[in-house]
All heavy atoms as atom14 arrays in JSON, in Angstrom:
{
  "sequence": "NDLKEAWVSDHPYLAVCYLWQYAPTWAWWLMNRMGKRRIQNFKSGV",
  "atom14_mask": [
    [1, 1, 1, 1, 1, 1, 1, 1, 0, 0, 0, 0, 0, 0],
    [1, 1, 1, 1, 1, 1, 1, 1, 0, 0, 0, 0, 0, 0],
    [1, 1, 1, 1, 1, 1, 1, 1, 0, 0, 0, 0, 0, 0],
    [1, 1, 1, 1, 1, 1, 1, 1, 1, 0, 0, 0, 0, 0],
    [1, 1, 1, 1, 1, 1, 1, 1, 1, 0, 0, 0, 0, 0],
    [1, 1, 1, 1, 1, 0, 0, 0, 0, 0, 0, 0, 0, 0],
    [1, 1, 1, 1, 1, 1, 1, 1, 1, 1, 1, 1, 1, 1],
    [1, 1, 1, 1, 1, 1, 1, 0, 0, 0, 0, 0, 0, 0],
    [1, 1, 1, 1, 1, 1, 0, 0, 0, 0, 0, 0, 0, 0],
    [1, 1, 1, 1, 1, 1, 1, 1, 0, 0, 0, 0, 0, 0],
    [1, 1, 1, 1, 1, 1, 1, 1, 1, 1, 0, 0, 0, 0],
    [1, 1, 1, 1, 1, 1, 1, 0, 0, 0, 0, 0, 0, 0],
    [1, 1, 1, 1, 1, 1, 1, 1, 1, 1, 1, 1, 0, 0],
    [1, 1, 1, 1, 1, 1, 1, 1, 0, 0, 0, 0, 0, 0],
    [1, 1, 1, 1, 1, 0, 0, 0, 0, 0, 0, 0, 0, 0],
    [1, 1, 1, 1, 1, 1, 1, 0, 0, 0, 0, 0, 0, 0],
    [1, 1, 1, 1, 1, 1, 0, 0, 0, 0, 0, 0, 0, 0],
    [1, 1, 1, 1, 1, 1, 1, 1, 1, 1, 1, 1, 0, 0],
    [1, 1, 1, 1, 1, 1, 1, 1, 0, 0, 0, 0, 0, 0],
    [1, 1, 1, 1, 1, 1, 1, 1, 1, 1, 1, 1, 1, 1],
    [1, 1, 1, 1, 1, 1, 1, 1, 1, 0, 0, 0, 0, 0],
    [1, 1, 1, 1, 1, 1, 1, 1, 1, 1, 1, 1, 0, 0],
    [1, 1, 1, 1, 1, 0, 0, 0, 0, 0, 0, 0, 0, 0],
    [1, 1, 1, 1, 1, 1, 1, 0, 0, 0, 0, 0, 0, 0],
    [1, 1, 1, 1, 1, 1, 1, 0, 0, 0, 0, 0, 0, 0],
    [1, 1, 1, 1, 1, 1, 1, 1, 1, 1, 1, 1, 1, 1],
    [1, 1, 1, 1, 1, 0, 0, 0, 0, 0, 0, 0, 0, 0],
    [1, 1, 1, 1, 1, 1, 1, 1, 1, 1, 1, 1, 1, 1],
    [1, 1, 1, 1, 1, 1, 1, 1, 1, 1, 1, 1, 1, 1],
    [1, 1, 1, 1, 1, 1, 1, 1, 0, 0, 0, 0, 0, 0],
    [1, 1, 1, 1, 1, 1, 1, 1, 0, 0, 0, 0, 0, 0],
    [1, 1, 1, 1, 1, 1, 1, 1, 0, 0, 0, 0, 0, 0],
    [1, 1, 1, 1, 1, 1, 1, 1, 1, 1, 1, 0, 0, 0],
    [1, 1, 1, 1, 1, 1, 1, 1, 0, 0, 0, 0, 0, 0],
    [1, 1, 1, 1, 0, 0, 0, 0, 0, 0, 0, 0, 0, 0],
    [1, 1, 1, 1, 1, 1, 1, 1, 1, 0, 0, 0, 0, 0],
    [1, 1, 1, 1, 1, 1, 1, 1, 1, 1, 1, 0, 0, 0],
    [1, 1, 1, 1, 1, 1, 1, 1, 1, 1, 1, 0, 0, 0],
    [1, 1, 1, 1, 1, 1, 1, 1, 0, 0, 0, 0, 0, 0],
    [1, 1, 1, 1, 1, 1, 1, 1, 1, 0, 0, 0, 0, 0],
    [1, 1, 1, 1, 1, 1, 1, 1, 0, 0, 0, 0, 0, 0],
    [1, 1, 1, 1, 1, 1, 1, 1, 1, 1, 1, 0, 0, 0],
    [1, 1, 1, 1, 1, 1, 1, 1, 1, 0, 0, 0, 0, 0],
    [1, 1, 1, 1, 1, 1, 0, 0, 0, 0, 0, 0, 0, 0],
    [1, 1, 1, 1, 0, 0, 0, 0, 0, 0, 0, 0, 0, 0],
    [1, 1, 1, 1, 1, 1, 1, 0, 0, 0, 0, 0, 0, 0]
  ],
  "atom14_positions": [
    [[119.65, 103.71, 65.51], [119.51, 105.09, 66.01], [120.44, 105.39, 67.18], [120.31, 106.43, 67.83], [118.06, 105.34, 66.41], [117.14, 105.47, 65.22], [117.05, 106.52, 64.6], [116.45, 104.39, 64.88], [0.0, 0.0, 0.0], [0.0, 0.0, 0.0], [0.0, 0.0, 0.0], [0.0, 0.0, 0.0], [0.0, 0.0, 0.0], [0.0, 0.0, 0.0]],
    [[121.37, 104.47, 67.46], [122.37, 104.69, 68.51], [121.77, 105.05, 69.86], [122.28, 105.92, 70.58], [123.37, 105.78, 68.1], [124.33, 105.31, 67.01], [124.63, 104.11, 66.98], [124.76, 106.15, 66.2], [0.0, 0.0, 0.0], [0.0, 0.0, 0.0], [0.0, 0.0, 0.0], [0.0, 0.0, 0.0], [0.0, 0.0, 0.0], [0.0, 0.0, 0.0]],
    [[120.67, 104.39, 70.23], [120.1, 104.61, 71.55], [121.03, 104.03, 72.61], [121.5, 102.91, 72.48], [118.73, 103.96, 71.66], [117.64, 104.45, 70.7], [116.3, 103.79, 71.05], [117.5, 105.97, 70.77], [0.0, 0.0, 0.0], [0.0, 0.0, 0.0], [0.0, 0.0, 0.0], [0.0, 0.0, 0.0], [0.0, 0.0, 0.0], [0.0, 0.0, 0.0]],
    [[121.28, 104.8, 73.63], [122.16, 104.3, 74.69], [121.51, 103.16, 75.46], [122.18, 102.23, 75.91], [122.55, 105.44, 75.64], [123.46, 106.5, 75.0], [123.78, 107.59, 75.99], [124.82, 108.56, 75.4], [124.31, 109.24, 74.2], [0.0, 0.0, 0.0], [0.0, 0.0, 0.0], [0.0, 0.0, 0.0], [0.0, 0.0, 0.0], [0.0, 0.0, 0.0]],
    [[120.18, 103.22, 75.63], [119.46, 102.17, 76.34], [118.04, 102.08, 75.81], [117.4, 103.11, 75.57], [119.45, 102.45, 77.85], [118.77, 101.34, 78.68], [119.01, 101.52, 80.17], [120.2, 101.46, 80.58], [118.04, 101.74, 80.92], [0.0, 0.0, 0.0], [0.0, 0.0, 0.0], [0.0, 0.0, 0.0], [0.0, 0.0, 0.0], [0.0, 0.0, 0.0]],
    [[117.55, 100.87, 75.64], [116.19, 100.66, 75.14], [115.53, 99.57, 75.96], [116.09, 98.49, 76.13], [116.2, 100.28, 73.66], [0.0, 0.0, 0.0], [0.0, 0.0, 0.0], [0.0, 0.0, 0.0], [0.0, 0.0, 0.0], [0.0, 0.0, 0.0], [0.0, 0.0, 0.0], [0.0, 0.0, 0.0], [0.0, 0.0, 0.0], [0.0, 0.0, 0.0]],
    [[114.33, 99.87, 76.46], [113.52, 98.87, 77.16], [112.56, 98.26, 76.15], [111.67, 98.94, 75.63], [112.74, 99.51, 78.3], [113.59, 100.19, 79.34], [114.94, 100.12, 79.47], [113.13, 101.06, 80.39], [115.38, 100.88, 80.53], [114.28, 101.46, 81.11], [111.88, 101.52, 80.78], [114.19, 102.32, 82.21], [111.81, 102.36, 81.87], [112.95, 102.75, 82.58]],
    [[112.74, 97.0, 75.84], [111.96, 96.33, 74.81], [111.01, 95.36, 75.49], [111.38, 94.23, 75.81], [112.88, 95.6, 73.81], [112.06, 94.91, 72.74], [113.88, 96.58, 73.19], [0.0, 0.0, 0.0], [0.0, 0.0, 0.0], [0.0, 0.0, 0.0], [0.0, 0.0, 0.0], [0.0, 0.0, 0.0], [0.0, 0.0, 0.0], [0.0, 0.0, 0.0]],
    [[109.79, 95.81, 75.72], [108.86, 94.98, 76.48], [107.43, 95.43, 76.26], [107.17, 96.58, 75.91], [109.2, 95.06, 77.98], [108.31, 94.27, 78.74], [0.0, 0.0, 0.0], [0.0, 0.0, 0.0], [0.0, 0.0, 0.0], [0.0, 0.0, 0.0], [0.0, 0.0, 0.0], [0.0, 0.0, 0.0], [0.0, 0.0, 0.0], [0.0, 0.0, 0.0]],
    [[106.52, 94.5, 76.46], [105.09, 94.83, 76.48], [104.68, 95.17, 77.91], [105.41, 94.92, 78.87], [104.27, 93.63, 75.98], [104.51, 93.32, 74.52], [104.66, 94.27, 73.73], [104.55, 92.12, 74.15], [0.0, 0.0, 0.0], [0.0, 0.0, 0.0], [0.0, 0.0, 0.0], [0.0, 0.0, 0.0], [0.0, 0.0, 0.0], [0.0, 0.0, 0.0]],
    [[103.48, 95.73, 78.03], [102.9, 95.92, 79.36], [102.35, 94.59, 79.85], [101.99, 93.74, 79.04], [101.79, 96.97, 79.3], [102.28, 98.36, 79.05], [103.14, 99.01, 79.9], [102.02, 99.24, 78.04], [103.4, 100.22, 79.44], [102.74, 100.38, 78.31], [0.0, 0.0, 0.0], [0.0, 0.0, 0.0], [0.0, 0.0, 0.0], [0.0, 0.0, 0.0]],
    [[102.31, 94.34, 81.17], [102.57, 95.3, 82.25], [104.02, 95.42, 82.63], [104.36, 96.24, 83.49], [101.76, 94.7, 83.4], [101.87, 93.23, 83.19], [101.82, 93.03, 81.69], [0.0, 0.0, 0.0], [0.0, 0.0, 0.0], [0.0, 0.0, 0.0], [0.0, 0.0, 0.0], [0.0, 0.0, 0.0], [0.0, 0.0, 0.0], [0.0, 0.0, 0.0]],
    [[104.91, 94.63, 82.02], [106.31, 94.63, 82.43], [106.97, 95.98, 82.17], [107.78, 96.45, 82.97], [107.06, 93.52, 81.7], [106.38, 92.18, 81.82], [105.61, 91.67, 80.78], [106.47, 91.44, 82.99], [104.97, 90.46, 80.89], [105.83, 90.22, 83.12], [105.07, 89.73, 82.07], [104.42, 88.53, 82.19], [0.0, 0.0, 0.0], [0.0, 0.0, 0.0]],
    [[106.62, 96.62, 81.04], [107.19, 97.93, 80.74], [106.74, 98.96, 81.77], [107.53, 99.81, 82.2], [106.78, 98.36, 79.33], [107.44, 99.65, 78.81], [108.95, 99.5, 78.78], [106.91, 99.98, 77.42], [0.0, 0.0, 0.0], [0.0, 0.0, 0.0], [0.0, 0.0, 0.0], [0.0, 0.0, 0.0], [0.0, 0.0, 0.0], [0.0, 0.0, 0.0]],
    [[105.48, 98.88, 82.18], [104.98, 99.81, 83.2], [105.73, 99.64, 84.51], [106.03, 100.62, 85.2], [103.48, 99.59, 83.41], [0.0, 0.0, 0.0], [0.0, 0.0, 0.0], [0.0, 0.0, 0.0], [0.0, 0.0, 0.0], [0.0, 0.0, 0.0], [0.0, 0.0, 0.0], [0.0, 0.0, 0.0], [0.0, 0.0, 0.0], [0.0, 0.0, 0.0]],
    [[106.07, 98.4, 84.84], [106.82, 98.14, 86.07], [108.21, 98.76, 85.97], [108.75, 99.27, 86.97], [106.91, 96.62, 86.35], [107.81, 96.34, 87.55], [105.52, 96.05, 86.59], [0.0, 0.0, 0.0], [0.0, 0.0, 0.0], [0.0, 0.0, 0.0], [0.0, 0.0, 0.0], [0.0, 0.0, 0.0], [0.0, 0.0, 0.0], [0.0, 0.0, 0.0]],
    [[108.81, 98.74, 84.79], [110.12, 99.38, 84.6], [110.06, 100.86, 84.94], [110.93, 101.4, 85.64], [110.6, 99.21, 83.16], [111.04, 97.52, 82.7], [0.0, 0.0, 0.0], [0.0, 0.0, 0.0], [0.0, 0.0, 0.0], [0.0, 0.0, 0.0], [0.0, 0.0, 0.0], [0.0, 0.0, 0.0], [0.0, 0.0, 0.0], [0.0, 0.0, 0.0]],
    [[109.03, 101.54, 84.42], [108.88, 102.96, 84.7], [108.61, 103.21, 86.18], [109.11, 104.16, 86.77], [107.76, 103.56, 83.85], [108.18, 103.83, 82.42], [107.9, 102.94, 81.39], [108.89, 104.99, 82.1], [108.3, 103.18, 80.09], [109.3, 105.25, 80.8], [109.0, 104.34, 79.81], [109.41, 104.59, 78.51], [0.0, 0.0, 0.0], [0.0, 0.0, 0.0]],
    [[107.81, 102.33, 86.77], [107.53, 102.45, 88.19], [108.81, 102.29, 89.0], [109.08, 103.03, 89.95], [106.5, 101.4, 88.6], [105.79, 101.61, 89.95], [104.97, 102.88, 89.93], [104.89, 100.4, 90.26], [0.0, 0.0, 0.0], [0.0, 0.0, 0.0], [0.0, 0.0, 0.0], [0.0, 0.0, 0.0], [0.0, 0.0, 0.0], [0.0, 0.0, 0.0]],
    [[109.63, 101.3, 88.63], [110.89, 101.05, 89.32], [111.83, 102.24, 89.19], [112.58, 102.56, 90.1], [111.53, 99.79, 88.75], [112.54, 99.17, 89.65], [113.86, 99.51, 89.77], [112.32, 98.1, 90.59], [114.47, 98.72, 90.7], [113.55, 97.85, 91.23], [111.21, 97.34, 90.95], [113.72, 96.86, 92.2], [111.37, 96.35, 91.9], [112.59, 96.12, 92.52]],
    [[111.76, 102.9, 88.03], [112.66, 104.02, 87.76], [112.24, 105.29, 88.49], [113.08, 106.01, 89.04], [112.69, 104.3, 86.24], [113.61, 105.42, 85.81], [115.05, 104.97, 85.66], [115.35, 103.79, 85.81], [115.95, 105.89, 85.37], [0.0, 0.0, 0.0], [0.0, 0.0, 0.0], [0.0, 0.0, 0.0], [0.0, 0.0, 0.0], [0.0, 0.0, 0.0]],
    [[110.93, 105.57, 88.51], [110.47, 106.87, 88.99], [109.74, 106.82, 90.33], [109.59, 107.86, 90.98], [109.56, 107.52, 87.95], [110.27, 107.78, 86.64], [109.98, 107.04, 85.5], [111.26, 108.76, 86.56], [110.65, 107.26, 84.3], [111.94, 108.99, 85.37], [111.62, 108.25, 84.24], [112.3, 108.47, 83.07], [0.0, 0.0, 0.0], [0.0, 0.0, 0.0]],
    [[109.28, 105.65, 90.74], [108.58, 105.52, 92.02], [109.0, 104.2, 92.67], [108.19, 103.27, 92.8], [107.07, 105.56, 91.81], [0.0, 0.0, 0.0], [0.0, 0.0, 0.0], [0.0, 0.0, 0.0], [0.0, 0.0, 0.0], [0.0, 0.0, 0.0], [0.0, 0.0, 0.0], [0.0, 0.0, 0.0], [0.0, 0.0, 0.0], [0.0, 0.0, 0.0]],
    [[110.27, 104.1, 93.09], [110.79, 102.82, 93.57], [110.07, 102.26, 94.79], [109.96, 101.04, 94.93], [112.26, 103.13, 93.87], [112.34, 104.62, 94.01], [111.3, 105.16, 93.1], [0.0, 0.0, 0.0], [0.0, 0.0, 0.0], [0.0, 0.0, 0.0], [0.0, 0.0, 0.0], [0.0, 0.0, 0.0], [0.0, 0.0, 0.0], [0.0, 0.0, 0.0]],
    [[109.58, 103.12, 95.66], [108.87, 102.62, 96.85], [107.62, 101.85, 96.44], [107.33, 100.77, 96.97], [108.49, 103.77, 97.79], [109.68, 104.44, 98.21], [107.76, 103.24, 99.03], [0.0, 0.0, 0.0], [0.0, 0.0, 0.0], [0.0, 0.0, 0.0], [0.0, 0.0, 0.0], [0.0, 0.0, 0.0], [0.0, 0.0, 0.0], [0.0, 0.0, 0.0]],
    [[106.88, 102.4, 95.48], [105.7, 101.7, 94.96], [106.12, 100.43, 94.24], [105.44, 99.39, 94.33], [104.91, 102.59, 94.01], [104.09, 103.61, 94.71], [104.36, 104.95, 94.86], [102.85, 103.39, 95.39], [103.38, 105.56, 95.58], [102.43, 104.63, 95.92], [102.06, 102.27, 95.6], [101.25, 104.78, 96.64], [100.88, 102.41, 96.32], [100.49, 103.65, 96.83]],
    [[107.24, 100.48, 93.51], [107.71, 99.3, 92.78], [108.07, 98.17, 93.75], [107.76, 97.0, 93.51], [108.92, 99.67, 91.92], [0.0, 0.0, 0.0], [0.0, 0.0, 0.0], [0.0, 0.0, 0.0], [0.0, 0.0, 0.0], [0.0, 0.0, 0.0], [0.0, 0.0, 0.0], [0.0, 0.0, 0.0], [0.0, 0.0, 0.0], [0.0, 0.0, 0.0]],
    [[108.72, 98.51, 94.86], [109.08, 97.49, 95.85], [107.83, 96.87, 96.45], [107.76, 95.65, 96.67], [109.94, 98.11, 96.96], [111.28, 98.58, 96.47], [112.0, 98.07, 95.43], [112.03, 99.67, 96.99], [113.18, 98.78, 95.26], [113.23, 99.77, 96.21], [111.84, 100.59, 98.02], [114.2, 100.74, 96.46], [112.81, 101.54, 98.27], [113.97, 101.61, 97.49]],
    [[106.83, 97.71, 96.73], [105.57, 97.2, 97.28], [104.91, 96.24, 96.3], [104.48, 95.14, 96.68], [104.63, 98.36, 97.59], [103.27, 97.93, 98.05], [102.88, 97.59, 99.32], [102.09, 97.8, 97.23], [101.55, 97.26, 99.35], [101.04, 97.37, 98.08], [101.83, 98.0, 95.88], [99.74, 97.13, 97.61], [100.54, 97.78, 95.41], [99.52, 97.35, 96.26]],
    [[104.85, 96.64, 95.03], [104.23, 95.8, 94.01], [105.01, 94.51, 93.8], [104.42, 93.42, 93.72], [104.13, 96.58, 92.69], [103.54, 95.81, 91.5], [102.1, 95.42, 91.78], [103.63, 96.67, 90.23], [0.0, 0.0, 0.0], [0.0, 0.0, 0.0], [0.0, 0.0, 0.0], [0.0, 0.0, 0.0], [0.0, 0.0, 0.0], [0.0, 0.0, 0.0]],
    [[106.33, 94.61, 93.74], [107.14, 93.42, 93.5], [107.05, 92.45, 94.67], [107.09, 91.22, 94.47], [108.59, 93.82, 93.23], [109.44, 92.69, 92.67], [108.83, 92.03, 91.09], [109.19, 93.39, 89.98], [0.0, 0.0, 0.0], [0.0, 0.0, 0.0], [0.0, 0.0, 0.0], [0.0, 0.0, 0.0], [0.0, 0.0, 0.0], [0.0, 0.0, 0.0]],
    [[106.93, 92.98, 95.89], [106.76, 92.1, 97.05], [105.47, 91.29, 96.95], [105.43, 90.1, 97.25], [106.77, 92.91, 98.34], [108.16, 93.35, 98.74], [109.15, 92.81, 98.27], [108.24, 94.36, 99.6], [0.0, 0.0, 0.0], [0.0, 0.0, 0.0], [0.0, 0.0, 0.0], [0.0, 0.0, 0.0], [0.0, 0.0, 0.0], [0.0, 0.0, 0.0]],
    [[104.39, 91.94, 96.52], [103.11, 91.25, 96.37], [103.17, 90.23, 95.23], [102.74, 89.08, 95.39], [101.99, 92.26, 96.11], [101.64, 93.14, 97.31], [100.58, 94.16, 96.95], [99.34, 93.51, 96.54], [98.37, 93.16, 97.37], [98.51, 93.35, 98.67], [97.26, 92.6, 96.91], [0.0, 0.0, 0.0], [0.0, 0.0, 0.0], [0.0, 0.0, 0.0]],
    [[103.71, 90.64, 94.09], [103.82, 89.73, 92.96], [104.82, 88.61, 93.27], [104.61, 87.45, 92.9], [104.26, 90.5, 91.71], [103.27, 91.55, 91.24], [103.93, 92.57, 89.9], [104.08, 91.35, 88.6], [0.0, 0.0, 0.0], [0.0, 0.0, 0.0], [0.0, 0.0, 0.0], [0.0, 0.0, 0.0], [0.0, 0.0, 0.0], [0.0, 0.0, 0.0]],
    [[105.91, 88.97, 93.96], [106.93, 88.0, 94.26], [106.45, 86.91, 95.2], [106.8, 85.74, 95.05], [0.0, 0.0, 0.0], [0.0, 0.0, 0.0], [0.0, 0.0, 0.0], [0.0, 0.0, 0.0], [0.0, 0.0, 0.0], [0.0, 0.0, 0.0], [0.0, 0.0, 0.0], [0.0, 0.0, 0.0], [0.0, 0.0, 0.0], [0.0, 0.0, 0.0]],
    [[105.64, 87.3, 96.18], [105.12, 86.3, 97.12], [104.29, 85.26, 96.38], [104.43, 84.05, 96.62], [104.27, 86.99, 98.19], [103.77, 86.06, 99.27], [103.02, 86.83, 100.35], [102.56, 85.89, 101.46], [101.85, 86.63, 102.53], [0.0, 0.0, 0.0], [0.0, 0.0, 0.0], [0.0, 0.0, 0.0], [0.0, 0.0, 0.0], [0.0, 0.0, 0.0]],
    [[103.45, 85.71, 95.45], [102.63, 84.78, 94.68], [103.5, 83.93, 93.76], [103.27, 82.73, 93.57], [101.59, 85.54, 93.86], [100.61, 84.62, 93.11], [99.51, 85.38, 92.41], [99.99, 86.11, 91.25], [100.05, 87.42, 91.18], [99.68, 88.17, 92.21], [100.47, 88.01, 90.07], [0.0, 0.0, 0.0], [0.0, 0.0, 0.0], [0.0, 0.0, 0.0]],
    [[104.52, 84.56, 93.19], [105.4, 83.83, 92.28], [106.15, 82.72, 93.0], [106.3, 81.61, 92.49], [106.39, 84.81, 91.65], [107.18, 84.2, 90.49], [108.21, 85.17, 89.99], [108.72, 84.74, 88.7], [109.93, 85.07, 88.23], [110.74, 85.79, 88.95], [110.32, 84.66, 87.04], [0.0, 0.0, 0.0], [0.0, 0.0, 0.0], [0.0, 0.0, 0.0]],
    [[106.61, 83.0, 94.22], [107.33, 81.99, 95.0], [106.4, 80.85, 95.4], [106.77, 79.67, 95.34], [107.97, 82.65, 96.25], [109.09, 83.59, 95.82], [108.51, 81.58, 97.2], [109.64, 84.43, 96.96], [0.0, 0.0, 0.0], [0.0, 0.0, 0.0], [0.0, 0.0, 0.0], [0.0, 0.0, 0.0], [0.0, 0.0, 0.0], [0.0, 0.0, 0.0]],
    [[105.17, 81.2, 95.78], [104.2, 80.16, 96.13], [103.92, 79.26, 94.94], [103.86, 78.03, 95.07], [102.91, 80.82, 96.63], [103.04, 81.49, 97.98], [101.79, 82.27, 98.37], [100.93, 82.56, 97.53], [101.68, 82.63, 99.65], [0.0, 0.0, 0.0], [0.0, 0.0, 0.0], [0.0, 0.0, 0.0], [0.0, 0.0, 0.0], [0.0, 0.0, 0.0]],
    [[103.74, 79.86, 93.77], [103.5, 79.06, 92.55], [104.7, 78.18, 92.22], [104.55, 77.02, 91.82], [103.21, 79.99, 91.37], [101.86, 80.66, 91.47], [100.98, 80.19, 92.19], [101.67, 81.75, 90.76], [0.0, 0.0, 0.0], [0.0, 0.0, 0.0], [0.0, 0.0, 0.0], [0.0, 0.0, 0.0], [0.0, 0.0, 0.0], [0.0, 0.0, 0.0]],
    [[105.89, 78.74, 92.4], [107.12, 77.99, 92.11], [107.24, 76.77, 93.01], [107.55, 75.67, 92.56], [108.33, 78.91, 92.29], [109.66, 78.24, 92.09], [110.11, 77.94, 90.82], [110.46, 77.91, 93.18], [111.35, 77.32, 90.63], [111.68, 77.3, 93.0], [112.13, 77.0, 91.73], [0.0, 0.0, 0.0], [0.0, 0.0, 0.0], [0.0, 0.0, 0.0]],
    [[106.95, 76.96, 94.29], [107.06, 75.85, 95.23], [106.01, 74.77, 94.98], [106.25, 73.59, 95.26], [106.93, 76.38, 96.67], [108.13, 77.17, 97.14], [107.96, 77.63, 98.59], [109.21, 78.33, 99.11], [109.03, 78.77, 100.52], [0.0, 0.0, 0.0], [0.0, 0.0, 0.0], [0.0, 0.0, 0.0], [0.0, 0.0, 0.0], [0.0, 0.0, 0.0]],
    [[104.86, 75.19, 94.43], [103.8, 74.22, 94.16], [103.89, 73.62, 92.75], [103.05, 72.83, 92.34], [102.42, 74.87, 94.35], [102.24, 75.93, 93.43], [0.0, 0.0, 0.0], [0.0, 0.0, 0.0], [0.0, 0.0, 0.0], [0.0, 0.0, 0.0], [0.0, 0.0, 0.0], [0.0, 0.0, 0.0], [0.0, 0.0, 0.0], [0.0, 0.0, 0.0]],
    [[104.91, 74.06, 91.98], [105.11, 73.52, 90.66], [104.37, 74.22, 89.56], [104.33, 73.77, 88.42], [0.0, 0.0, 0.0], [0.0, 0.0, 0.0], [0.0, 0.0, 0.0], [0.0, 0.0, 0.0], [0.0, 0.0, 0.0], [0.0, 0.0, 0.0], [0.0, 0.0, 0.0], [0.0, 0.0, 0.0], [0.0, 0.0, 0.0], [0.0, 0.0, 0.0]],
    [[103.77, 75.38, 89.86], [103.03, 76.16, 88.88], [103.94, 77.24, 88.33], [104.6, 77.95, 89.09], [101.77, 76.81, 89.49], [101.05, 77.68, 88.44], [100.84, 75.73, 90.04], [0.0, 0.0, 0.0], [0.0, 0.0, 0.0], [0.0, 0.0, 0.0], [0.0, 0.0, 0.0], [0.0, 0.0, 0.0], [0.0, 0.0, 0.0], [0.0, 0.0, 0.0]]
  ]
}
């Protein structure tokens, strides 16, 4: 269908894409919270 761009994802990741696109301040807040947990898990081997 010659789409210029397609986001191919399930939720919640797709919802985060829309949040990042239309409400970046909220997206940064959410990513900071998720990112902090992700880094902690990474350092602990999870």
